[in-house]
């Protein structure tokens, strides 16, 4: 009888391609925001990262529909992971030009985070890497013929237009420098526990006060 493998504490990274999004419209909107938003420096080295926008802030109907599509993806992930209902709580826009990159970082005060790629015109625009943070690197053989999901030290994804990645907010990640002469445009977001009767009931059962 074969051994039974129990996978405890896995790092889950969900990925999909959303084909119903009007990326040209989003790109135009991002550059319009960039004209008046000076941006901020958080994990980015160079490039432009917009101000943090609360989910309750006013926005065009097209952006509202876009966020609703992202929320549907979040809902799928929470269902698969057995998490309470989560809602997108804040978001920001990103433009990385040639040479711009993002330092390793996590997203505090969030449960799941995500990134949606609005415009990725070629393949040299900066892969995103998710880092392993246990001590496996000190135990696994340094030279292995092939890495897999158990022995890998990092998981890397090449961005594509329309692609979405959703991941636990505590997983450290970074973005390579853009090696293209064109801009890499994306939108990032965080989530929080949704205000729902089911979540309120769960909080009560666990002894947490409900403050609305």
Foldseek 3Di string as FASTA:
>chain_A
DDDDDDDPPAWDKDKDFDPVADLVVVVVVQVVQVVPFVADDDQKDDWHKGDKAFPPDDDDPSVVVVQVVVLVVVQVVCVVVVHARKHWTIKIKTKAAAFMKGHWDFDPPFFKKKKAWRDDPDQQAWKKKWADDDPLVVPDDPDDPDDDSVNDGIDIDGDDHRMMMMTTRPTIMIIDGRNDRDMTIMMMTGIDRDPDPVVCVVCVVVPHDDDD
